[in-house]
Amino acid sequence: MTLSAHLIPAYLSLPLAVLMALTCAACLWSANWRAIRRVPSRGHLLFGGAFACLALWLISFTVIEGVRVHFLGVTALTLVVGWRFAILAGSAAVLAHTLAIGQPLASVPVAWLLTVAVPATVSRWLVYQLRATRAQNLFIYMLGAGFGGGALSSLAVTVTAVGLLWLGGQAQLVTLALQNWPAALLVLFPEGFINGMIITAFTVYYPDLLKTFDDQHYLSG
């Protein structure tokens, strides 16, 4: 989801810019770069995932003036490369997407929060929760983390966007968003389907490339 820069005041954009900078710096410091050097295919996935997300985000439509909606694909990226690398790849894709659609750089922090940080964090949190259930069924990962993660991330992004508009004093847009809430539900299923399809394909054919897939947990039974 993309919000025009004029919808978010500076008192929200500046803290988000600091949060983005600190998060990316922490990910750069703590990411397992040795794994990328050791397995070149992971590096290909990292760059390919960023490019795929960028291409997916360019297909968007306007639901409210100043608010553009697009599919995310960040759930699949997070499950494949992990949360830290998903944040880094997604941040690069957000910057490229902002320049491609002609938005000012001031809109990057908000776009980063909605398009990368929220869906990546929700997706990783869901993986932990599913693993904690001790359910040793492969479909728990493919459908729960893949399909469910995509749908839940889309819902979380919508709620966060409405919250940002409310904090930014855009009461009229918040009212319009609440009046048209069924439109948000129309995005949940295709978002879940896209991510679920990608994760299912990786789980079946290339499980060793999935950073968040624990074969001992899901296949030991």
N, C-alpha and C. Protein backbone atom coordinates (compact mmCIF):
# COMPACT_ATOMS: atom_id res chain seq x y z
N MET A 1 0.85 -1.19 0.00
CA MET A 1 0.00 0.00 0.00
C MET A 1 0.89 1.24 0.00
N THR A 2 0.48 2.25 -0.78
CA THR A 2 1.25 3.49 -0.89
C THR A 2 0.36 4.66 -0.52
N LEU A 3 0.84 5.49 0.39
CA LEU A 3 0.15 6.72 0.76
C LEU A 3 0.93 7.90 0.21
N SER A 4 0.23 8.85 -0.39
CA SER A 4 0.89 10.05 -0.90
C SER A 4 1.55 10.80 0.25
N ALA A 5 2.65 11.47 -0.07
CA ALA A 5 3.45 12.13 0.97
C ALA A 5 2.67 13.21 1.70
N HIS A 6 1.74 13.88 1.01
CA HIS A 6 1.03 14.99 1.64
C HIS A 6 0.02 14.51 2.68
N LEU A 7 -0.27 13.21 2.71
CA LEU A 7 -1.24 12.69 3.67
C LEU A 7 -0.63 12.45 5.05
N ILE A 8 0.68 12.32 5.11
CA ILE A 8 1.35 12.01 6.37
C ILE A 8 2.20 13.20 6.80
N PRO A 9 1.91 13.80 7.93
CA PRO A 9 2.68 14.97 8.39
C PRO A 9 4.09 14.59 8.83
N ALA A 10 4.92 15.62 8.99
CA ALA A 10 6.33 15.39 9.33
C ALA A 10 6.50 14.76 10.70
N TYR A 11 5.59 15.04 11.64
CA TYR A 11 5.75 14.47 12.97
C TYR A 11 5.53 12.96 13.01
N LEU A 12 5.01 12.41 11.91
CA LEU A 12 4.93 10.96 11.77
C LEU A 12 6.04 10.43 10.86
N SER A 13 6.34 11.16 9.80
CA SER A 13 7.36 10.70 8.85
C SER A 13 8.75 10.65 9.46
N LEU A 14 9.09 11.64 10.27
CA LEU A 14 10.44 11.68 10.85
C LEU A 14 10.72 10.51 11.79
N PRO A 15 9.82 10.20 12.75
CA PRO A 15 10.07 9.01 13.58
C PRO A 15 10.13 7.72 12.77
N LEU A 16 9.32 7.64 11.73
CA LEU A 16 9.36 6.43 10.89
C LEU A 16 10.68 6.35 10.12
N ALA A 17 11.20 7.51 9.72
CA ALA A 17 12.50 7.52 9.03
C ALA A 17 13.61 7.04 9.96
N VAL A 18 13.56 7.48 11.22
CA VAL A 18 14.55 7.02 12.21
C VAL A 18 14.40 5.53 12.45
N LEU A 19 13.16 5.06 12.58
CA LEU A 19 12.92 3.63 12.78
C LEU A 19 13.43 2.82 11.60
N MET A 20 13.19 3.30 10.39
CA MET A 20 13.67 2.60 9.20
C MET A 20 15.19 2.53 9.18
N ALA A 21 15.84 3.65 9.48
CA ALA A 21 17.31 3.67 9.46
C ALA A 21 17.89 2.74 10.51
N LEU A 22 17.36 2.77 11.72
CA LEU A 22 17.87 1.91 12.79
C LEU A 22 17.62 0.43 12.48
N THR A 23 16.45 0.13 11.95
CA THR A 23 16.12 -1.27 11.64
C THR A 23 17.03 -1.81 10.53
N CYS A 24 17.21 -1.02 9.48
CA CYS A 24 18.07 -1.46 8.39
C CYS A 24 19.52 -1.61 8.84
N ALA A 25 19.98 -0.69 9.70
CA ALA A 25 21.34 -0.78 10.21
C ALA A 25 21.52 -2.04 11.05
N ALA A 26 20.52 -2.34 11.89
CA ALA A 26 20.59 -3.55 12.72
C ALA A 26 20.58 -4.80 11.85
N CYS A 27 19.78 -4.80 10.81
CA CYS A 27 19.73 -5.96 9.91
C CYS A 27 21.04 -6.13 9.15
N LEU A 28 21.62 -5.02 8.70
CA LEU A 28 22.92 -5.10 8.02
C LEU A 28 23.99 -5.68 8.93
N TRP A 29 23.93 -5.33 10.20
CA TRP A 29 24.94 -5.78 11.16
C TRP A 29 24.74 -7.24 11.54
N SER A 30 23.50 -7.66 11.73
CA SER A 30 23.24 -8.99 12.29
C SER A 30 22.89 -10.06 11.25
N ALA A 31 22.69 -9.67 9.99
CA ALA A 31 22.32 -10.65 8.97
C ALA A 31 23.46 -11.65 8.74
N ASN A 32 23.10 -12.86 8.39
CA ASN A 32 24.08 -13.93 8.17
C ASN A 32 24.63 -13.84 6.75
N TRP A 33 25.58 -12.95 6.54
CA TRP A 33 26.15 -12.77 5.21
C TRP A 33 27.00 -13.96 4.78
N ARG A 34 27.49 -14.72 5.75
CA ARG A 34 28.28 -15.90 5.40
C ARG A 34 27.44 -16.92 4.63
N ALA A 35 26.16 -17.03 4.99
CA ALA A 35 25.28 -17.96 4.29
C ALA A 35 25.10 -17.55 2.83
N ILE A 36 25.07 -16.24 2.58
CA ILE A 36 24.95 -15.74 1.21
C ILE A 36 26.19 -16.08 0.41
N ARG A 37 27.36 -15.90 1.03
CA ARG A 37 28.61 -16.20 0.32
C ARG A 37 28.79 -17.70 0.15
N ARG A 38 28.33 -18.47 1.14
CA ARG A 38 28.52 -19.91 1.09
C ARG A 38 27.61 -20.58 0.07
N VAL A 39 26.40 -20.08 -0.06
CA VAL A 39 25.43 -20.65 -1.01
C VAL A 39 25.01 -19.54 -1.97
N PRO A 40 25.61 -19.45 -3.15
CA PRO A 40 25.32 -18.36 -4.08
C PRO A 40 23.84 -18.27 -4.46
N SER A 41 23.15 -19.40 -4.46
CA SER A 41 21.73 -19.37 -4.85
C SER A 41 20.91 -18.52 -3.89
N ARG A 42 21.33 -18.41 -2.64
CA ARG A 42 20.62 -17.55 -1.69
C ARG A 42 20.76 -16.08 -2.07
N GLY A 43 21.92 -15.72 -2.56
CA GLY A 43 22.09 -14.35 -3.04
C GLY A 43 21.21 -14.06 -4.24
N HIS A 44 21.06 -15.05 -5.12
CA HIS A 44 20.17 -14.89 -6.26
C HIS A 44 18.73 -14.72 -5.80
N LEU A 45 18.34 -15.47 -4.78
CA LEU A 45 16.99 -15.34 -4.24
C LEU A 45 16.78 -13.97 -3.63
N LEU A 46 17.80 -13.44 -2.97
CA LEU A 46 17.70 -12.14 -2.32
C LEU A 46 17.44 -11.04 -3.35
N PHE A 47 18.28 -11.00 -4.39
CA PHE A 47 18.12 -9.97 -5.41
C PHE A 47 16.88 -10.24 -6.27
N GLY A 48 16.64 -11.50 -6.58
CA GLY A 48 15.44 -11.83 -7.36
C GLY A 48 14.17 -11.51 -6.61
N GLY A 49 14.18 -11.75 -5.29
CA GLY A 49 13.00 -11.44 -4.49
C GLY A 49 12.72 -9.95 -4.45
N ALA A 50 13.77 -9.14 -4.33
CA ALA A 50 13.58 -7.69 -4.33
C ALA A 50 13.02 -7.22 -5.66
N PHE A 51 13.53 -7.76 -6.74
CA PHE A 51 13.03 -7.38 -8.07
C PHE A 51 11.60 -7.83 -8.28
N ALA A 52 11.28 -9.05 -7.82
CA ALA A 52 9.91 -9.56 -7.96
C ALA A 52 8.92 -8.71 -7.18
N CYS A 53 9.29 -8.31 -5.97
CA CYS A 53 8.41 -7.44 -5.17
C CYS A 53 8.20 -6.10 -5.86
N LEU A 54 9.26 -5.54 -6.41
CA LEU A 54 9.15 -4.27 -7.12
C LEU A 54 8.18 -4.40 -8.30
N ALA A 55 8.33 -5.46 -9.07
CA ALA A 55 7.44 -5.66 -10.22
C ALA A 55 5.99 -5.84 -9.76
N LEU A 56 5.79 -6.53 -8.65
CA LEU A 56 4.43 -6.75 -8.14
C LEU A 56 3.82 -5.45 -7.63
N TRP A 57 4.63 -4.62 -6.99
CA TRP A 57 4.12 -3.36 -6.44
C TRP A 57 3.75 -2.36 -7.53
N LEU A 58 4.37 -2.47 -8.69
CA LEU A 58 4.07 -1.54 -9.77
C LEU A 58 2.66 -1.75 -10.34
N ILE A 59 2.08 -2.92 -10.05
CA ILE A 59 0.70 -3.19 -10.47
C ILE A 59 -0.22 -2.76 -9.33
N SER A 60 -0.74 -1.57 -9.41
CA SER A 60 -1.52 -1.02 -8.30
C SER A 60 -2.76 -0.31 -8.82
N PHE A 61 -3.66 0.00 -7.91
CA PHE A 61 -4.88 0.73 -8.27
C PHE A 61 -5.26 1.65 -7.11
N THR A 62 -5.95 2.71 -7.44
CA THR A 62 -6.33 3.71 -6.45
C THR A 62 -7.70 3.38 -5.88
N VAL A 63 -7.79 3.29 -4.57
CA VAL A 63 -9.07 3.05 -3.92
C VAL A 63 -9.64 4.34 -3.34
N ILE A 64 -8.77 5.18 -2.81
CA ILE A 64 -9.12 6.50 -2.30
C ILE A 64 -8.06 7.46 -2.82
N GLU A 65 -8.42 8.70 -3.06
CA GLU A 65 -7.47 9.67 -3.56
C GLU A 65 -6.25 9.75 -2.64
N GLY A 66 -5.09 9.46 -3.22
CA GLY A 66 -3.85 9.48 -2.46
C GLY A 66 -3.47 8.15 -1.85
N VAL A 67 -4.33 7.15 -1.98
CA VAL A 67 -4.07 5.81 -1.41
C VAL A 67 -4.10 4.80 -2.55
N ARG A 68 -2.97 4.17 -2.79
CA ARG A 68 -2.86 3.16 -3.84
C ARG A 68 -2.62 1.79 -3.19
N VAL A 69 -3.32 0.80 -3.69
CA VAL A 69 -3.23 -0.55 -3.14
C VAL A 69 -2.56 -1.47 -4.15
N HIS A 70 -1.70 -2.34 -3.68
CA HIS A 70 -1.06 -3.33 -4.54
C HIS A 70 -0.79 -4.58 -3.70
N PHE A 71 -0.55 -5.68 -4.38
CA PHE A 71 -0.18 -6.90 -3.68
C PHE A 71 1.23 -6.74 -3.13
N LEU A 72 1.54 -7.51 -2.08
CA LEU A 72 2.79 -7.32 -1.34
C LEU A 72 3.86 -8.35 -1.71
N GLY A 73 3.57 -9.63 -1.52
CA GLY A 73 4.55 -10.66 -1.80
C GLY A 73 5.65 -10.75 -0.75
N VAL A 74 5.57 -9.93 0.29
CA VAL A 74 6.64 -9.89 1.30
C VAL A 74 6.60 -11.12 2.20
N THR A 75 5.43 -11.72 2.36
CA THR A 75 5.36 -12.94 3.16
C THR A 75 6.24 -14.03 2.55
N ALA A 76 6.12 -14.24 1.26
CA ALA A 76 6.95 -15.24 0.59
C ALA A 76 8.42 -14.88 0.68
N LEU A 77 8.74 -13.61 0.51
CA LEU A 77 10.14 -13.17 0.60
C LEU A 77 10.69 -13.44 2.00
N THR A 78 9.89 -13.17 3.02
CA THR A 78 10.34 -13.39 4.40
C THR A 78 10.55 -14.86 4.70
N LEU A 79 9.64 -15.70 4.24
CA LEU A 79 9.77 -17.13 4.51
C LEU A 79 10.96 -17.74 3.76
N VAL A 80 11.31 -17.17 2.62
CA VAL A 80 12.42 -17.72 1.82
C VAL A 80 13.77 -17.24 2.34
N VAL A 81 13.93 -15.94 2.56
CA VAL A 81 15.26 -15.42 2.91
C VAL A 81 15.40 -15.04 4.38
N GLY A 82 14.32 -15.07 5.14
CA GLY A 82 14.38 -14.69 6.54
C GLY A 82 14.01 -13.22 6.75
N TRP A 83 13.73 -12.87 8.01
CA TRP A 83 13.22 -11.53 8.31
C TRP A 83 14.24 -10.43 8.01
N ARG A 84 15.50 -10.63 8.41
CA ARG A 84 16.51 -9.59 8.24
C ARG A 84 16.75 -9.28 6.77
N PHE A 85 16.95 -10.32 5.97
CA PHE A 85 17.20 -10.09 4.55
C PHE A 85 15.95 -9.60 3.84
N ALA A 86 14.77 -9.99 4.31
CA ALA A 86 13.53 -9.47 3.74
C ALA A 86 13.41 -7.97 3.98
N ILE A 87 13.80 -7.51 5.17
CA ILE A 87 13.80 -6.08 5.46
C ILE A 87 14.76 -5.34 4.54
N LEU A 88 15.95 -5.89 4.35
CA LEU A 88 16.94 -5.22 3.52
C LEU A 88 16.53 -5.21 2.05
N ALA A 89 16.10 -6.36 1.53
CA ALA A 89 15.68 -6.43 0.13
C ALA A 89 14.43 -5.58 -0.10
N GLY A 90 13.50 -5.63 0.84
CA GLY A 90 12.29 -4.84 0.71
C GLY A 90 12.56 -3.35 0.78
N SER A 91 13.51 -2.94 1.60
CA SER A 91 13.85 -1.52 1.70
C SER A 91 14.41 -1.00 0.38
N ALA A 92 15.27 -1.80 -0.25
CA ALA A 92 15.80 -1.40 -1.55
C ALA A 92 14.69 -1.32 -2.59
N ALA A 93 13.76 -2.29 -2.54
CA ALA A 93 12.65 -2.29 -3.48
C ALA A 93 11.72 -1.10 -3.25
N VAL A 94 11.51 -0.72 -1.99
CA VAL A 94 10.66 0.44 -1.67
C VAL A 94 11.27 1.72 -2.25
N LEU A 95 12.57 1.88 -2.10
CA LEU A 95 13.23 3.06 -2.64
C LEU A 95 13.10 3.11 -4.16
N ALA A 96 13.32 1.96 -4.82
CA ALA A 96 13.19 1.92 -6.27
C ALA A 96 11.74 2.17 -6.71
N HIS A 97 10.79 1.63 -5.96
CA HIS A 97 9.38 1.81 -6.29
C HIS A 97 8.96 3.27 -6.13
N THR A 98 9.44 3.92 -5.07
CA THR A 98 9.12 5.33 -4.85
C THR A 98 9.61 6.20 -6.00
N LEU A 99 10.83 5.94 -6.46
CA LEU A 99 11.36 6.69 -7.59
C LEU A 99 10.62 6.37 -8.88
N ALA A 100 10.22 5.11 -9.04
CA ALA A 100 9.56 4.69 -10.28
C ALA A 100 8.19 5.33 -10.44
N ILE A 101 7.46 5.52 -9.34
CA ILE A 101 6.11 6.08 -9.44
C ILE A 101 6.10 7.59 -9.24
N GLY A 102 7.28 8.19 -9.09
CA GLY A 102 7.38 9.63 -9.02
C GLY A 102 6.99 10.24 -7.69
N GLN A 103 7.03 9.48 -6.62
CA GLN A 103 6.73 10.00 -5.30
C GLN A 103 7.99 10.63 -4.70
N PRO A 104 7.85 11.65 -3.86
CA PRO A 104 9.03 12.24 -3.19
C PRO A 104 9.63 11.27 -2.19
N LEU A 105 10.90 11.46 -1.91
CA LEU A 105 11.59 10.57 -0.97
C LEU A 105 11.01 10.65 0.44
N ALA A 106 10.28 11.73 0.73
CA ALA A 106 9.67 11.86 2.05
C ALA A 106 8.62 10.79 2.31
N SER A 107 8.12 10.17 1.26
CA SER A 107 7.10 9.13 1.42
C SER A 107 7.70 7.75 1.64
N VAL A 108 9.03 7.62 1.56
CA VAL A 108 9.68 6.31 1.71
C VAL A 108 9.44 5.68 3.07
N PRO A 109 9.62 6.40 4.19
CA PRO A 109 9.44 5.75 5.50
C PRO A 109 8.06 5.16 5.70
N VAL A 110 7.01 5.87 5.27
CA VAL A 110 5.66 5.35 5.42
C VAL A 110 5.46 4.14 4.52
N ALA A 111 5.95 4.23 3.28
CA ALA A 111 5.84 3.10 2.36
C ALA A 111 6.60 1.89 2.89
N TRP A 112 7.76 2.14 3.49
CA TRP A 112 8.55 1.05 4.08
C TRP A 112 7.80 0.36 5.20
N LEU A 113 7.17 1.15 6.07
CA LEU A 113 6.42 0.56 7.18
C LEU A 113 5.29 -0.31 6.68
N LEU A 114 4.52 0.19 5.71
CA LEU A 114 3.33 -0.52 5.24
C LEU A 114 3.67 -1.67 4.31
N THR A 115 4.68 -1.49 3.49
CA THR A 115 4.97 -2.48 2.44
C THR A 115 5.97 -3.53 2.86
N VAL A 116 6.84 -3.20 3.82
CA VAL A 116 7.92 -4.12 4.18
C VAL A 116 7.87 -4.51 5.66
N ALA A 117 7.97 -3.53 6.54
CA ALA A 117 8.15 -3.84 7.97
C ALA A 117 6.97 -4.59 8.56
N VAL A 118 5.77 -4.10 8.32
CA VAL A 118 4.59 -4.75 8.91
C VAL A 118 4.38 -6.15 8.36
N PRO A 119 4.32 -6.35 7.02
CA PRO A 119 4.09 -7.72 6.53
C PRO A 119 5.21 -8.69 6.86
N ALA A 120 6.46 -8.22 6.84
CA ALA A 120 7.58 -9.12 7.17
C ALA A 120 7.53 -9.54 8.62
N THR A 121 7.23 -8.61 9.51
CA THR A 121 7.18 -8.91 10.94
C THR A 121 6.00 -9.82 11.26
N VAL A 122 4.86 -9.54 10.69
CA VAL A 122 3.68 -10.38 10.92
C VAL A 122 3.92 -11.80 10.41
N SER A 123 4.52 -11.91 9.25
CA SER A 123 4.78 -13.24 8.66
C SER A 123 5.75 -14.04 9.51
N ARG A 124 6.80 -13.39 10.01
CA ARG A 124 7.77 -14.11 10.84
C ARG A 124 7.16 -14.48 12.18
N TRP A 125 6.35 -13.59 12.74
CA TRP A 125 5.66 -13.90 14.00
C TRP A 125 4.76 -15.10 13.83
N LEU A 126 4.05 -15.20 12.71
CA LEU A 126 3.14 -16.31 12.48
C LEU A 126 3.90 -17.63 12.37
N VAL A 127 5.07 -17.62 11.76
CA VAL A 127 5.88 -18.83 11.67
C VAL A 127 6.24 -19.33 13.06
N TYR A 128 6.63 -18.42 13.94
CA TYR A 128 6.93 -18.81 15.32
C TYR A 128 5.71 -19.40 16.02
N GLN A 129 4.56 -18.79 15.83
CA GLN A 129 3.35 -19.26 16.48
C GLN A 129 2.95 -20.64 15.97
N LEU A 130 3.06 -20.87 14.68
CA LEU A 130 2.71 -22.18 14.12
C LEU A 130 3.68 -23.25 14.60
N ARG A 131 4.94 -22.90 14.71
CA ARG A 131 5.93 -23.87 15.19
C ARG A 131 5.69 -24.19 16.67
N ALA A 132 5.20 -23.22 17.42
CA ALA A 132 4.95 -23.43 18.84
C ALA A 132 3.77 -24.35 19.09
N THR A 133 2.91 -24.53 18.10
CA THR A 133 1.76 -25.44 18.27
C THR A 133 2.19 -26.90 18.26
N ARG A 134 3.41 -27.17 17.82
CA ARG A 134 3.97 -28.52 17.74
C ARG A 134 3.19 -29.42 16.78
N ALA A 135 2.42 -28.80 15.90
CA ALA A 135 1.70 -29.58 14.87
C ALA A 135 2.68 -29.95 13.77
N GLN A 136 2.94 -31.23 13.59
CA GLN A 136 3.95 -31.69 12.63
C GLN A 136 3.28 -32.11 11.32
N ASN A 137 2.64 -31.15 10.71
CA ASN A 137 1.98 -31.37 9.43
C ASN A 137 2.51 -30.37 8.43
N LEU A 138 2.94 -30.87 7.28
CA LEU A 138 3.55 -30.00 6.27
C LEU A 138 2.59 -28.91 5.82
N PHE A 139 1.29 -29.22 5.79
CA PHE A 139 0.32 -28.24 5.33
C PHE A 139 0.16 -27.09 6.32
N ILE A 140 0.53 -27.31 7.57
CA ILE A 140 0.51 -26.22 8.55
C ILE A 140 1.45 -25.10 8.11
N TYR A 141 2.60 -25.49 7.58
CA TYR A 141 3.56 -24.48 7.11
C TYR A 141 3.11 -23.87 5.79
N MET A 142 2.75 -24.71 4.82
CA MET A 142 2.43 -24.21 3.49
C MET A 142 1.18 -23.34 3.50
N LEU A 143 0.10 -23.84 4.13
CA LEU A 143 -1.15 -23.09 4.15
C LEU A 143 -1.18 -22.07 5.28
N GLY A 144 -0.66 -22.45 6.45
CA GLY A 144 -0.69 -21.52 7.58
C GLY A 144 0.26 -20.36 7.40
N ALA A 145 1.54 -20.67 7.17
CA ALA A 145 2.53 -19.60 7.03
C ALA A 145 2.47 -18.93 5.67
N GLY A 146 2.22 -19.71 4.63
CA GLY A 146 2.18 -19.16 3.27
C GLY A 146 0.89 -18.41 2.98
N PHE A 147 -0.20 -19.16 2.88
CA PHE A 147 -1.49 -18.55 2.58
C PHE A 147 -1.96 -17.67 3.74
N GLY A 148 -1.96 -18.22 4.95
CA GLY A 148 -2.42 -17.46 6.11
C GLY A 148 -1.56 -16.24 6.38
N GLY A 149 -0.25 -16.39 6.22
CA GLY A 149 0.65 -15.26 6.45
C GLY A 149 0.40 -14.13 5.48
N GLY A 150 0.17 -14.47 4.22
CA GLY A 150 -0.11 -13.43 3.23
C GLY A 150 -1.40 -12.68 3.53
N ALA A 151 -2.46 -13.43 3.87
CA ALA A 151 -3.75 -12.80 4.17
C ALA A 151 -3.66 -11.96 5.44
N LEU A 152 -3.03 -12.50 6.48
CA LEU A 152 -2.92 -11.77 7.74
C LEU A 152 -2.06 -10.52 7.58
N SER A 153 -1.01 -10.61 6.79
CA SER A 153 -0.15 -9.44 6.55
C SER A 153 -0.92 -8.34 5.83
N SER A 154 -1.72 -8.72 4.85
CA SER A 154 -2.52 -7.74 4.12
C SER A 154 -3.50 -7.04 5.06
N LEU A 155 -4.12 -7.80 5.95
CA LEU A 155 -5.04 -7.21 6.91
C LEU A 155 -4.31 -6.27 7.87
N ALA A 156 -3.13 -6.68 8.33
CA ALA A 156 -2.35 -5.85 9.24
C ALA A 156 -1.93 -4.55 8.58
N VAL A 157 -1.56 -4.61 7.31
CA VAL A 157 -1.16 -3.40 6.58
C VAL A 157 -2.35 -2.44 6.45
N THR A 158 -3.52 -2.97 6.17
CA THR A 158 -4.71 -2.12 6.05
C THR A 158 -5.02 -1.42 7.37
N VAL A 159 -4.98 -2.17 8.46
CA VAL A 159 -5.25 -1.58 9.78
C VAL A 159 -4.21 -0.52 10.12
N THR A 160 -2.94 -0.80 9.82
CA THR A 160 -1.87 0.16 10.10
C THR A 160 -2.04 1.43 9.28
N ALA A 161 -2.41 1.28 8.01
CA ALA A 161 -2.60 2.45 7.15
C ALA A 161 -3.73 3.33 7.66
N VAL A 162 -4.83 2.71 8.07
CA VAL A 162 -5.95 3.49 8.63
C VAL A 162 -5.50 4.20 9.91
N GLY A 163 -4.71 3.51 10.72
CA GLY A 163 -4.20 4.14 11.94
C GLY A 163 -3.30 5.33 11.64
N LEU A 164 -2.45 5.21 10.62
CA LEU A 164 -1.57 6.33 10.25
C LEU A 164 -2.39 7.52 9.74
N LEU A 165 -3.41 7.24 8.94
CA LEU A 165 -4.26 8.33 8.45
C LEU A 165 -4.98 9.03 9.59
N TRP A 166 -5.40 8.26 10.57
CA TRP A 166 -6.08 8.84 11.73
C TRP A 166 -5.11 9.70 12.55
N LEU A 167 -3.90 9.18 12.78
CA LEU A 167 -2.90 9.95 13.51
C LEU A 167 -2.47 11.20 12.74
N GLY A 168 -2.55 11.12 11.41
CA GLY A 168 -2.17 12.25 10.58
C GLY A 168 -3.27 13.28 10.41
N GLY A 169 -4.39 13.06 11.06
CA GLY A 169 -5.47 14.03 10.99
C GLY A 169 -6.32 13.95 9.74
N GLN A 170 -6.26 12.81 9.04
CA GLN A 170 -7.04 12.63 7.82
C GLN A 170 -8.37 11.94 8.14
N ALA A 171 -9.21 12.65 8.90
CA ALA A 171 -10.46 12.05 9.37
C ALA A 171 -11.38 11.68 8.23
N GLN A 172 -11.41 12.50 7.19
CA GLN A 172 -12.29 12.22 6.06
C GLN A 172 -11.89 10.94 5.34
N LEU A 173 -10.58 10.76 5.16
CA LEU A 173 -10.11 9.54 4.50
C LEU A 173 -10.35 8.31 5.37
N VAL A 174 -10.21 8.48 6.68
CA VAL A 174 -10.49 7.37 7.58
C VAL A 174 -11.96 6.96 7.47
N THR A 175 -12.84 7.94 7.40
CA THR A 175 -14.27 7.64 7.25
C THR A 175 -14.55 6.91 5.94
N LEU A 176 -13.92 7.38 4.87
CA LEU A 176 -14.09 6.72 3.57
C LEU A 176 -13.56 5.29 3.60
N ALA A 177 -12.42 5.10 4.28
CA ALA A 177 -11.84 3.76 4.37
C ALA A 177 -12.75 2.82 5.14
N LEU A 178 -13.33 3.31 6.22
CA LEU A 178 -14.23 2.47 7.02
C LEU A 178 -15.52 2.17 6.26
N GLN A 179 -15.98 3.12 5.46
CA GLN A 179 -17.19 2.89 4.68
C GLN A 179 -16.96 1.88 3.56
N ASN A 180 -15.73 1.80 3.09
CA ASN A 180 -15.40 0.88 1.98
C ASN A 180 -14.56 -0.30 2.47
N TRP A 181 -14.75 -0.72 3.71
CA TRP A 181 -13.93 -1.79 4.28
C TRP A 181 -14.04 -3.11 3.52
N PRO A 182 -15.18 -3.45 2.84
CA PRO A 182 -15.19 -4.72 2.09
C PRO A 182 -14.13 -4.79 1.00
N ALA A 183 -13.66 -3.63 0.51
CA ALA A 183 -12.62 -3.64 -0.53
C ALA A 183 -11.34 -4.26 0.00
N ALA A 184 -11.06 -4.06 1.30
CA ALA A 184 -9.85 -4.64 1.89
C ALA A 184 -9.92 -6.16 1.90
N LEU A 185 -11.13 -6.69 2.10
CA LEU A 185 -11.28 -8.14 2.14
C LEU A 185 -11.04 -8.77 0.78
N LEU A 186 -11.29 -8.01 -0.28
CA LEU A 186 -11.08 -8.53 -1.63
C LEU A 186 -9.61 -8.79 -1.93
N VAL A 187 -8.73 -8.12 -1.17
CA VAL A 187 -7.29 -8.28 -1.40
C VAL A 187 -6.73 -9.44 -0.60
N LEU A 188 -7.41 -9.83 0.47
CA LEU A 188 -6.86 -10.84 1.38
C LEU A 188 -6.64 -12.18 0.69
N PHE A 189 -7.67 -12.67 -0.02
CA PHE A 189 -7.54 -13.99 -0.64
C PHE A 189 -6.47 -14.03 -1.72
N PRO A 190 -6.46 -13.10 -2.70
CA PRO A 190 -5.39 -13.17 -3.71
C PRO A 190 -4.00 -12.99 -3.12
N GLU A 191 -3.87 -12.14 -2.09
CA GLU A 191 -2.56 -11.99 -1.44
C GLU A 191 -2.13 -13.30 -0.80
N GLY A 192 -3.07 -13.95 -0.11
CA GLY A 192 -2.76 -15.25 0.47
C GLY A 192 -2.45 -16.29 -0.59
N PHE A 193 -3.19 -16.27 -1.68
CA PHE A 193 -2.98 -17.25 -2.74
C PHE A 193 -1.61 -17.10 -3.39
N ILE A 194 -1.22 -15.85 -3.68
CA ILE A 194 0.09 -15.61 -4.32
C ILE A 194 1.21 -16.13 -3.44
N ASN A 195 1.19 -15.75 -2.17
CA ASN A 195 2.26 -16.18 -1.26
C ASN A 195 2.19 -17.67 -0.99
N GLY A 196 0.96 -18.21 -0.82
CA GLY A 196 0.82 -19.63 -0.57
C GLY A 196 1.32 -20.47 -1.73
N MET A 197 1.04 -20.03 -2.95
CA MET A 197 1.50 -20.76 -4.13
C MET A 197 3.02 -20.79 -4.22
N ILE A 198 3.65 -19.64 -3.95
CA ILE A 198 5.11 -19.57 -4.01
C ILE A 198 5.74 -20.46 -2.94
N ILE A 199 5.22 -20.38 -1.72
CA ILE A 199 5.79 -21.16 -0.62
C ILE A 199 5.55 -22.65 -0.82
N THR A 200 4.41 -23.02 -1.36
CA THR A 200 4.15 -24.43 -1.64
C THR A 200 5.14 -24.98 -2.65
N ALA A 201 5.41 -24.21 -3.70
CA ALA A 201 6.36 -24.64 -4.72
C ALA A 201 7.76 -24.80 -4.12
N PHE A 202 8.18 -23.86 -3.30
CA PHE A 202 9.50 -23.96 -2.68
C PHE A 202 9.55 -25.14 -1.71
N THR A 203 8.49 -25.34 -0.93
CA THR A 203 8.48 -26.41 0.06
C THR A 203 8.58 -27.78 -0.61
N VAL A 204 7.92 -27.93 -1.75
CA VAL A 204 7.91 -29.22 -2.44
C VAL A 204 9.21 -29.46 -3.20
N TYR A 205 9.71 -28.45 -3.91
CA TYR A 205 10.84 -28.67 -4.80
C TYR A 205 12.18 -28.18 -4.24
N TYR A 206 12.18 -27.11 -3.45
CA TYR A 206 13.44 -26.57 -2.94
C TYR A 206 13.33 -26.24 -1.46
N PRO A 207 13.02 -27.22 -0.62
CA PRO A 207 12.85 -26.91 0.82
C PRO A 207 14.12 -26.42 1.48
N ASP A 208 15.29 -26.78 0.93
CA ASP A 208 16.54 -26.37 1.54
C ASP A 208 16.81 -24.88 1.37
N LEU A 209 16.07 -24.23 0.45
CA LEU A 209 16.25 -22.80 0.23
C LEU A 209 15.32 -21.95 1.07
N LEU A 210 14.43 -22.58 1.81
CA LEU A 210 13.50 -21.85 2.68
C LEU A 210 14.15 -21.61 4.04
N LYS A 211 14.44 -20.37 4.34
CA LYS A 211 15.11 -20.04 5.59
C LYS A 211 14.28 -20.41 6.80
N THR A 212 12.96 -20.30 6.71
CA THR A 212 12.11 -20.50 7.88
C THR A 212 11.49 -21.89 7.94
N PHE A 213 11.85 -22.77 7.02
CA PHE A 213 11.27 -24.11 7.01
C PHE A 213 12.13 -25.06 7.83
N ASP A 214 11.54 -25.65 8.86
CA ASP A 214 12.24 -26.59 9.73
C ASP A 214 11.79 -28.00 9.35
N ASP A 215 12.61 -28.68 8.54
CA ASP A 215 12.22 -30.00 8.05
C ASP A 215 12.17 -31.02 9.18
N GLN A 216 13.02 -30.87 10.20
CA GLN A 216 12.97 -31.80 11.33
C GLN A 216 11.67 -31.68 12.10
N HIS A 217 11.13 -30.49 12.13
CA HIS A 217 9.87 -30.28 12.86
C HIS A 217 8.67 -30.78 12.05
N TYR A 218 8.61 -30.39 10.76
CA TYR A 218 7.42 -30.68 9.97
C TYR A 218 7.45 -32.03 9.28
N LEU A 219 8.63 -32.65 9.17
CA LEU A 219 8.72 -33.93 8.46
C LEU A 219 9.12 -35.09 9.37
N SER A 220 9.40 -34.82 10.63
CA SER A 220 9.86 -35.89 11.50
C SER A 220 8.77 -36.90 11.79
N GLY A 221 7.51 -36.47 11.64
CA GLY A 221 6.43 -37.42 11.90
C GLY A 221 6.17 -38.33 10.74
